[in-house]
Amino acid sequence: MLAAALAAILAACAATADPGGPPVDEARVGLVEWDITASATRLADGLVSFDVTNAGTTAHDLRIEADGRQLAATPLLDPGQGATLTVDLVDAEEVFLICAVPGHREQGMRRQLPVGP
């Protein structure tokens, strides 16, 4: 079942991620060993909603940072669990999506996304 969820998330991300696309105010985020996938390639300057799913086989979380500060974080999510975070990205130039579980960031669970046009 988790493999099917992961396949669905990755397919949705591939289908909606347009490198030349406009900034979006909603993004799907998948947490897997050892990557963070995102349906967005650029985020809107303003309120942005992140629909986070742990499609991996171990517990993960998601921390959203910008300008050296934490904007939001999920609790620790067991495989198959999800959460929604809404953050204000006004005046942010980029955001960092990070799994804060010890060692996970170092294994590749991080993603950087630009904000604005």
Protein backbone atom coordinates (compact mmCIF):
# COMPACT_ATOMS: atom_id res chain seq x y z
CA MET A 1 0.00 0.00 0.00
CA LEU A 2 2.86 2.41 0.78
CA ALA A 3 4.48 1.60 -2.56
CA ALA A 4 1.23 2.55 -4.30
CA ALA A 5 1.02 5.80 -2.32
CA LEU A 6 4.62 6.64 -3.20
CA ALA A 7 4.00 5.92 -6.88
CA ALA A 8 0.91 8.15 -6.85
CA ILE A 9 2.77 11.02 -5.18
CA LEU A 10 5.73 10.77 -7.52
CA ALA A 11 3.45 10.60 -10.57
CA ALA A 12 1.49 13.63 -9.38
CA CYS A 13 4.70 15.54 -8.75
CA ALA A 14 6.07 14.69 -12.18
CA ALA A 15 2.80 15.55 -13.88
CA THR A 16 2.45 18.96 -12.25
CA ALA A 17 6.05 20.11 -11.89
CA ASP A 18 6.77 22.53 -14.72
CA PRO A 19 10.23 24.08 -14.45
CA GLY A 20 9.06 27.15 -16.35
CA GLY A 21 5.70 27.31 -14.60
CA PRO A 22 4.29 30.15 -12.55
CA PRO A 23 4.61 30.36 -8.76
CA VAL A 24 1.97 28.28 -6.94
CA ASP A 25 0.22 28.70 -3.61
CA GLU A 26 -0.36 24.96 -3.05
CA ALA A 27 2.22 22.18 -3.15
CA ARG A 28 2.16 18.45 -2.49
CA VAL A 29 5.23 17.18 -0.65
CA GLY A 30 6.26 13.53 -0.38
CA LEU A 31 8.70 12.26 2.23
CA VAL A 32 10.58 9.10 1.22
CA GLU A 33 13.91 7.51 2.01
CA TRP A 34 16.08 9.67 1.36
CA ASP A 35 14.41 12.41 -0.61
CA ILE A 36 11.75 15.09 -0.43
CA THR A 37 9.61 15.38 -3.56
CA ALA A 38 7.52 18.44 -4.36
CA SER A 39 4.85 19.13 -6.97
CA ALA A 40 6.00 22.75 -7.22
CA THR A 41 9.14 24.19 -8.77
CA ARG A 42 8.41 27.78 -7.65
CA LEU A 43 6.28 29.08 -4.77
CA ALA A 44 4.08 32.16 -4.57
CA ASP A 45 5.08 35.24 -2.59
CA GLY A 46 2.33 35.06 0.05
CA LEU A 47 0.36 32.30 1.80
CA VAL A 48 1.36 28.84 0.57
CA SER A 49 -0.22 25.55 1.65
CA PHE A 50 1.87 22.36 1.80
CA ASP A 51 0.07 18.99 1.76
CA VAL A 52 2.69 16.65 3.27
CA THR A 53 2.59 12.84 3.07
CA ASN A 54 5.07 10.37 4.51
CA ALA A 55 5.26 7.85 1.67
CA GLY A 56 8.36 6.24 3.13
CA THR A 57 8.83 3.20 5.32
CA THR A 58 10.19 5.00 8.38
CA ALA A 59 9.04 8.02 10.40
CA HIS A 60 9.80 11.45 8.92
CA ASP A 61 8.85 15.06 9.56
CA LEU A 62 9.02 18.26 7.52
CA ARG A 63 10.47 21.57 8.60
CA ILE A 64 9.98 24.66 6.40
CA GLU A 65 12.64 27.34 6.73
CA ALA A 66 13.26 30.72 5.07
CA ASP A 67 15.72 33.49 5.79
CA GLY A 68 17.41 31.44 8.52
CA ARG A 69 14.25 30.86 10.55
CA GLN A 70 11.76 28.04 10.94
CA LEU A 71 8.33 28.95 9.56
CA ALA A 72 6.46 25.70 10.28
CA ALA A 73 6.95 22.02 11.04
CA THR A 74 4.91 18.85 11.06
CA PRO A 75 4.97 16.44 13.96
CA LEU A 76 6.82 13.17 13.41
CA LEU A 77 4.77 11.32 10.79
CA ASP A 78 4.57 7.54 10.69
CA PRO A 79 4.51 5.86 7.24
CA GLY A 80 1.26 6.73 5.48
CA GLN A 81 0.46 9.71 7.71
CA GLY A 82 0.11 13.27 6.45
CA ALA A 83 -0.26 16.86 7.57
CA THR A 84 -1.01 20.26 6.06
CA LEU A 85 1.07 23.36 6.74
CA THR A 86 0.31 26.92 5.64
CA VAL A 87 3.09 29.49 5.72
CA ASP A 88 3.45 33.14 4.76
CA LEU A 89 6.29 33.53 2.26
CA VAL A 90 5.94 37.30 1.75
CA ASP A 91 9.41 38.73 1.04
CA ALA A 92 11.08 35.29 1.12
CA GLU A 93 13.47 34.57 -1.75
CA GLU A 94 13.63 30.81 -1.22
CA VAL A 95 12.45 28.13 1.17
CA PHE A 96 14.13 25.01 2.44
CA LEU A 97 12.16 21.81 3.05
CA ILE A 98 14.03 19.60 5.51
CA CYS A 99 13.44 16.36 7.37
CA ALA A 100 14.65 17.14 10.89
CA VAL A 101 14.93 13.51 12.04
CA PRO A 102 18.60 13.10 13.06
CA GLY A 103 20.68 12.01 10.07
CA HIS A 104 17.92 12.27 7.46
CA ARG A 105 18.91 15.70 6.13
CA GLU A 106 22.47 14.49 5.68
CA GLN A 107 21.19 11.49 3.70
CA GLY A 108 19.47 13.78 1.18
CA MET A 109 16.14 14.71 2.73
CA ARG A 110 16.23 18.39 1.81
CA ARG A 111 14.85 20.49 -1.03
CA GLN A 112 15.28 24.16 -1.91
CA LEU A 113 12.51 26.02 -3.76
CA PRO A 114 12.53 29.59 -5.09
CA VAL A 115 9.76 32.04 -4.17
CA GLY A 116 8.13 34.55 -6.50
CA PRO A 117 8.49 35.23 -10.20
